Amino acid sequence: MSNGYREPMLEMYKFETNQLLEQLEQLIINSEKSNCYSQEAINEIFRIMHTIKGSSAMMLFNGISTLAHSIEDLFFYLRESKPENVDYIKLSDLVLLCTDFIKEELSKIESGIEPDGDSSDLVNTIKKFLGELKSIGGSTAVHENNDDVNEKDGSKKQKYFITDSLSESSMKNSYKAVVYFEDGCEMENIRAFSILHSLKDLAQGIKSEPADIIENEESSQIIKESGFKMFFCSDKPYEDIEKVLNETLFLKNLN
């Protein structure tokens, strides 16, 4: 990734990761007060960690990404299997330890230092806790290691327009997606680039309008006014593409 691409993306990464950590800490505080984690809180923590995992991997911050992935796996199990007799105090302590680690790494990034912290001990502790939960409650849920996140929150509205049709020449699904961001979110072109990155393992022949989203100074304004349009082919079904796009931050409903 060139420096021209990385600098604005790094600013967005720092801003959004700090925001997500604030949301995460508030969820933990609220859950500790009630001595349980509601399904809504579990869903939201899963989403937060999935987002941090993906954005950190894109920035090559592997220590943060690996740690976020382990918490994501833990909350996937909590969401799908709904085990009883969970030690919520220990669960909260683990998540807060993770937020402390990520904050420390972000502090290094702010200072221009490479985030070189070793998260392996924390990851192993989380895996051990997850193993204990599975041994008590049984393990029926399997979280595949991909970015296809199943949003269980039925109240969420569709946030983009996407159509699909079969391409006879390639025998793949052809898609058109138009993404609209929330007003005032800023750096729409960098956010659009992040979407393209999230699709890179799922799609081929990706074209976008506007095309030159990083170097073209007018691209952010174009996206604000007309949305970010993408055209691509994929062997994946509509539902898989939809799940990935639903993870994009600062989306708004289609007008």
Protein backbone atom coordinates (compact mmCIF):
# COMPACT_ATOMS: atom_id res chain seq x y z
CA MET A 1 0.00 0.00 0.00
CA SER A 2 1.55 3.29 -1.07
CA ASN A 3 2.01 6.16 1.35
CA GLY A 4 -0.46 8.23 -0.65
CA TYR A 5 -3.16 5.68 0.05
CA ARG A 6 -2.08 4.84 3.58
CA GLU A 7 -2.00 8.26 5.24
CA PRO A 8 -5.70 9.19 4.91
CA MET A 9 -6.70 5.59 5.55
CA LEU A 10 -4.62 5.60 8.72
CA GLU A 11 -6.42 8.71 9.97
CA MET A 12 -9.77 7.07 9.30
CA TYR A 13 -8.61 3.86 10.97
CA LYS A 14 -7.52 5.65 14.15
CA PHE A 15 -10.71 7.70 14.36
CA GLU A 16 -13.09 4.81 13.78
CA THR A 17 -11.23 2.32 15.98
CA ASN A 18 -11.29 4.77 18.88
CA GLN A 19 -15.02 5.29 18.33
CA LEU A 20 -15.64 1.55 18.29
CA LEU A 21 -13.64 1.06 21.49
CA GLU A 22 -15.74 3.72 23.21
CA GLN A 23 -18.90 1.92 22.14
CA LEU A 24 -17.43 -1.38 23.30
CA GLU A 25 -16.55 -0.07 26.75
CA GLN A 26 -20.05 1.35 27.19
CA LEU A 27 -21.55 -2.01 26.25
CA ILE A 28 -19.34 -3.72 28.83
CA ILE A 29 -20.29 -1.21 31.55
CA ASN A 30 -24.00 -1.64 30.85
CA SER A 31 -23.67 -5.43 30.79
CA GLU A 32 -21.77 -5.47 34.08
CA LYS A 33 -24.54 -3.46 35.73
CA SER A 34 -27.11 -6.06 34.75
CA ASN A 35 -24.71 -8.99 35.33
CA CYS A 36 -25.55 -10.44 31.93
CA TYR A 37 -25.02 -9.81 28.25
CA SER A 38 -28.20 -9.25 26.27
CA GLN A 39 -28.46 -10.72 22.79
CA GLU A 40 -28.33 -7.19 21.44
CA ALA A 41 -25.08 -6.49 23.30
CA ILE A 42 -23.55 -9.77 22.09
CA ASN A 43 -24.51 -8.96 18.49
CA GLU A 44 -23.03 -5.47 18.75
CA ILE A 45 -19.76 -6.60 20.34
CA PHE A 46 -19.41 -9.25 17.64
CA ARG A 47 -19.93 -6.57 14.97
CA ILE A 48 -17.42 -4.20 16.59
CA MET A 49 -14.71 -6.84 16.82
CA HIS A 50 -15.38 -8.03 13.28
CA THR A 51 -14.92 -4.46 12.03
CA ILE A 52 -11.72 -3.89 14.02
CA LYS A 53 -10.37 -7.23 12.80
CA GLY A 54 -10.97 -6.36 9.16
CA SER A 55 -9.71 -2.78 9.25
CA SER A 56 -6.61 -3.77 11.25
CA ALA A 57 -5.80 -6.54 8.78
CA MET A 58 -6.15 -4.05 5.93
CA MET A 59 -3.65 -1.74 7.66
CA LEU A 60 -1.33 -4.72 8.37
CA PHE A 61 -1.69 -4.33 12.15
CA ASN A 62 -1.68 -8.07 12.67
CA GLY A 63 -1.45 -8.11 16.46
CA ILE A 64 -4.66 -6.10 16.77
CA SER A 65 -6.38 -8.06 14.02
CA THR A 66 -5.56 -11.44 15.57
CA LEU A 67 -6.77 -10.35 18.99
CA ALA A 68 -10.00 -8.90 17.60
CA HIS A 69 -10.55 -12.14 15.70
CA SER A 70 -10.33 -14.18 18.92
CA ILE A 71 -12.95 -12.00 20.63
CA GLU A 72 -15.09 -12.21 17.50
CA ASP A 73 -14.95 -16.02 17.70
CA LEU A 74 -15.89 -15.93 21.38
CA PHE A 75 -18.94 -13.75 20.81
CA PHE A 76 -19.93 -15.77 17.76
CA TYR A 77 -20.19 -18.78 20.06
CA LEU A 78 -22.15 -16.80 22.64
CA ARG A 79 -24.49 -15.57 19.92
CA GLU A 80 -25.11 -18.90 18.23
CA SER A 81 -25.02 -21.38 21.12
CA LYS A 82 -26.39 -19.19 23.93
CA PRO A 83 -24.59 -21.14 26.70
CA GLU A 84 -25.79 -20.95 30.28
CA ASN A 85 -23.73 -20.33 33.43
CA VAL A 86 -21.33 -17.94 31.71
CA ASP A 87 -18.85 -16.22 34.03
CA TYR A 88 -19.77 -12.70 32.94
CA ILE A 89 -17.24 -11.07 35.26
CA LYS A 90 -14.42 -13.03 33.63
CA LEU A 91 -15.88 -12.31 30.21
CA SER A 92 -15.93 -8.56 30.89
CA ASP A 93 -12.38 -8.65 32.25
CA LEU A 94 -11.15 -10.39 29.10
CA VAL A 95 -12.80 -7.90 26.77
CA LEU A 96 -11.48 -4.95 28.78
CA LEU A 97 -7.96 -6.40 28.67
CA CYS A 98 -8.32 -6.54 24.91
CA THR A 99 -9.46 -2.93 24.70
CA ASP A 100 -6.47 -1.90 26.84
CA PHE A 101 -4.12 -3.72 24.46
CA ILE A 102 -5.68 -2.12 21.39
CA LYS A 103 -5.58 1.33 23.00
CA GLU A 104 -1.89 0.89 23.76
CA GLU A 105 -1.24 -0.08 20.15
CA LEU A 106 -3.25 2.92 18.93
CA SER A 107 -1.15 5.15 21.16
CA LYS A 108 1.96 3.84 19.41
CA ILE A 109 0.39 4.53 16.04
CA GLU A 110 -0.47 8.09 17.12
CA SER A 111 3.19 8.58 18.05
CA GLY A 112 4.40 7.26 14.72
CA ILE A 113 5.65 4.03 16.26
CA GLU A 114 4.97 0.62 14.74
CA PRO A 115 2.35 -1.27 16.81
CA ASP A 116 4.51 -4.23 17.75
CA GLY A 117 2.68 -5.54 20.81
CA ASP A 118 2.41 -9.31 21.23
CA SER A 119 -1.23 -10.33 21.73
CA SER A 120 -0.54 -14.08 21.78
CA ASP A 121 -0.97 -14.51 25.55
CA LEU A 122 -4.33 -12.74 25.47
CA VAL A 123 -5.41 -14.74 22.43
CA ASN A 124 -4.54 -18.00 24.20
CA THR A 125 -6.44 -16.91 27.32
CA ILE A 126 -9.52 -16.13 25.23
CA LYS A 127 -9.25 -19.48 23.42
CA LYS A 128 -9.00 -21.26 26.77
CA PHE A 129 -12.10 -19.45 28.05
CA LEU A 130 -13.97 -20.33 24.86
CA GLY A 131 -12.89 -23.96 25.24
CA GLU A 132 -14.25 -24.02 28.78
CA LEU A 133 -17.59 -22.66 27.59
CA LYS A 134 -17.78 -25.30 24.87
CA SER A 135 -16.91 -28.13 27.28
CA ILE A 136 -19.73 -27.08 29.60
CA GLY A 137 -22.41 -26.20 27.08
CA GLY A 138 -21.41 -28.24 24.06
CA SER A 139 -20.24 -26.80 20.77
CA THR A 140 -22.68 -26.64 17.88
CA ALA A 141 -21.69 -23.38 16.22
CA VAL A 142 -18.82 -23.16 13.77
CA HIS A 143 -17.47 -19.75 12.85
CA GLU A 144 -15.82 -19.92 9.45
CA ASN A 145 -12.78 -17.71 9.09
CA ASN A 146 -14.11 -15.28 6.52
CA ASP A 147 -15.66 -11.85 6.40
CA ASP A 148 -19.22 -13.01 5.76
CA VAL A 149 -20.95 -11.76 8.88
CA ASN A 150 -24.52 -12.79 9.55
CA GLU A 151 -26.33 -9.84 11.11
CA LYS A 152 -28.96 -11.30 13.41
CA ASP A 153 -30.55 -7.96 14.17
CA GLY A 154 -33.75 -8.05 12.15
CA SER A 155 -34.45 -4.39 12.89
CA LYS A 156 -31.61 -3.23 10.67
CA LYS A 157 -32.79 -1.65 7.44
CA GLN A 158 -31.21 -2.26 4.07
CA LYS A 159 -28.52 0.35 3.60
CA TYR A 160 -27.63 0.00 -0.03
CA PHE A 161 -29.08 -1.05 -3.36
CA ILE A 162 -27.80 -4.20 -4.99
CA THR A 163 -29.12 -6.23 -7.91
CA ASP A 164 -27.91 -9.50 -9.33
CA SER A 165 -28.14 -11.32 -12.61
CA LEU A 166 -26.38 -14.27 -14.21
CA SER A 167 -23.67 -13.55 -16.73
CA GLU A 168 -23.98 -16.13 -19.49
CA SER A 169 -20.45 -15.53 -20.73
CA SER A 170 -18.70 -16.16 -17.43
CA MET A 171 -21.36 -18.21 -15.64
CA LYS A 172 -20.85 -16.02 -12.59
CA ASN A 173 -23.22 -13.71 -10.77
CA SER A 174 -23.00 -10.13 -11.99
CA TYR A 175 -23.66 -7.45 -9.40
CA LYS A 176 -24.25 -3.74 -9.27
CA ALA A 177 -24.09 -2.07 -5.85
CA VAL A 178 -24.63 1.59 -4.96
CA VAL A 179 -23.51 2.56 -1.47
CA TYR A 180 -24.53 5.78 0.29
CA PHE A 181 -22.72 7.05 3.37
CA GLU A 182 -24.17 9.04 6.24
CA ASP A 183 -24.10 12.82 5.89
CA GLY A 184 -21.08 14.40 7.51
CA CYS A 185 -19.05 11.20 7.88
CA GLU A 186 -16.24 12.71 5.73
CA MET A 187 -13.50 10.90 3.76
CA GLU A 188 -16.07 9.16 1.58
CA ASN A 189 -13.41 8.23 -0.96
CA ILE A 190 -11.32 6.42 1.66
CA ARG A 191 -14.41 4.62 2.95
CA ALA A 192 -15.18 3.58 -0.62
CA PHE A 193 -11.65 2.20 -0.95
CA SER A 194 -12.25 0.15 2.21
CA ILE A 195 -15.32 -1.41 0.61
CA LEU A 196 -13.30 -2.42 -2.43
CA HIS A 197 -10.75 -4.00 -0.11
CA SER A 198 -13.46 -5.99 1.67
CA LEU A 199 -14.66 -7.37 -1.68
CA LYS A 200 -11.26 -8.30 -3.08
CA ASP A 201 -11.46 -11.97 -2.05
CA LEU A 202 -15.08 -12.35 -3.15
CA ALA A 203 -15.27 -10.55 -6.48
CA GLN A 204 -13.51 -10.27 -9.82
CA GLY A 205 -13.43 -7.56 -12.45
CA ILE A 206 -14.44 -4.84 -10.01
CA LYS A 207 -15.17 -1.47 -11.60
CA SER A 208 -16.38 1.59 -9.77
CA GLU A 209 -17.84 5.04 -10.35
CA PRO A 210 -16.01 7.22 -9.62
CA ALA A 211 -13.01 5.12 -10.60
CA ASP A 212 -10.05 7.15 -9.33
CA ILE A 213 -11.32 7.48 -5.77
CA ILE A 214 -8.00 8.26 -4.05
CA GLU A 215 -6.18 10.62 -6.38
CA ASN A 216 -9.24 12.44 -7.73
CA GLU A 217 -10.00 15.30 -5.33
CA GLU A 218 -13.60 15.48 -6.57
CA SER A 219 -14.38 11.83 -5.84
CA SER A 220 -15.64 12.45 -2.29
CA GLN A 221 -18.14 15.04 -3.52
CA ILE A 222 -19.31 12.74 -6.31
CA ILE A 223 -19.88 9.94 -3.80
CA LYS A 224 -21.77 12.30 -1.48
CA GLU A 225 -24.12 13.33 -4.26
CA SER A 226 -24.52 10.13 -6.29
CA GLY A 227 -23.30 7.31 -4.08
CA PHE A 228 -20.43 4.92 -4.72
CA LYS A 229 -21.26 2.57 -7.58
CA MET A 230 -19.61 -0.81 -8.02
CA PHE A 231 -19.91 -3.39 -10.79
CA PHE A 232 -18.36 -6.83 -10.40
CA CYS A 233 -18.72 -10.58 -10.89
CA SER A 234 -18.56 -13.24 -8.22
CA ASP A 235 -19.19 -16.94 -7.71
CA LYS A 236 -20.69 -16.02 -4.35
CA PRO A 237 -24.48 -15.77 -3.97
CA TYR A 238 -26.32 -12.54 -3.31
CA GLU A 239 -26.55 -13.24 0.43
CA ASP A 240 -22.77 -13.49 0.86
CA ILE A 241 -22.17 -10.17 -0.89
CA GLU A 242 -24.94 -8.56 1.14
CA LYS A 243 -23.39 -9.68 4.43
CA VAL A 244 -20.03 -8.12 3.58
CA LEU A 245 -21.52 -4.80 2.49
CA ASN A 246 -23.63 -4.65 5.64
CA GLU A 247 -20.42 -4.39 7.67
CA THR A 248 -19.50 -1.02 6.12
CA LEU A 249 -19.51 1.75 8.70
CA PHE A 250 -21.46 5.00 8.29
CA LEU A 251 -23.98 3.67 5.79
CA LYS A 252 -27.38 5.27 5.44
CA ASN A 253 -30.61 3.97 3.96
CA LEU A 254 -31.24 4.19 0.26
CA ASN A 255 -33.34 7.22 -0.64
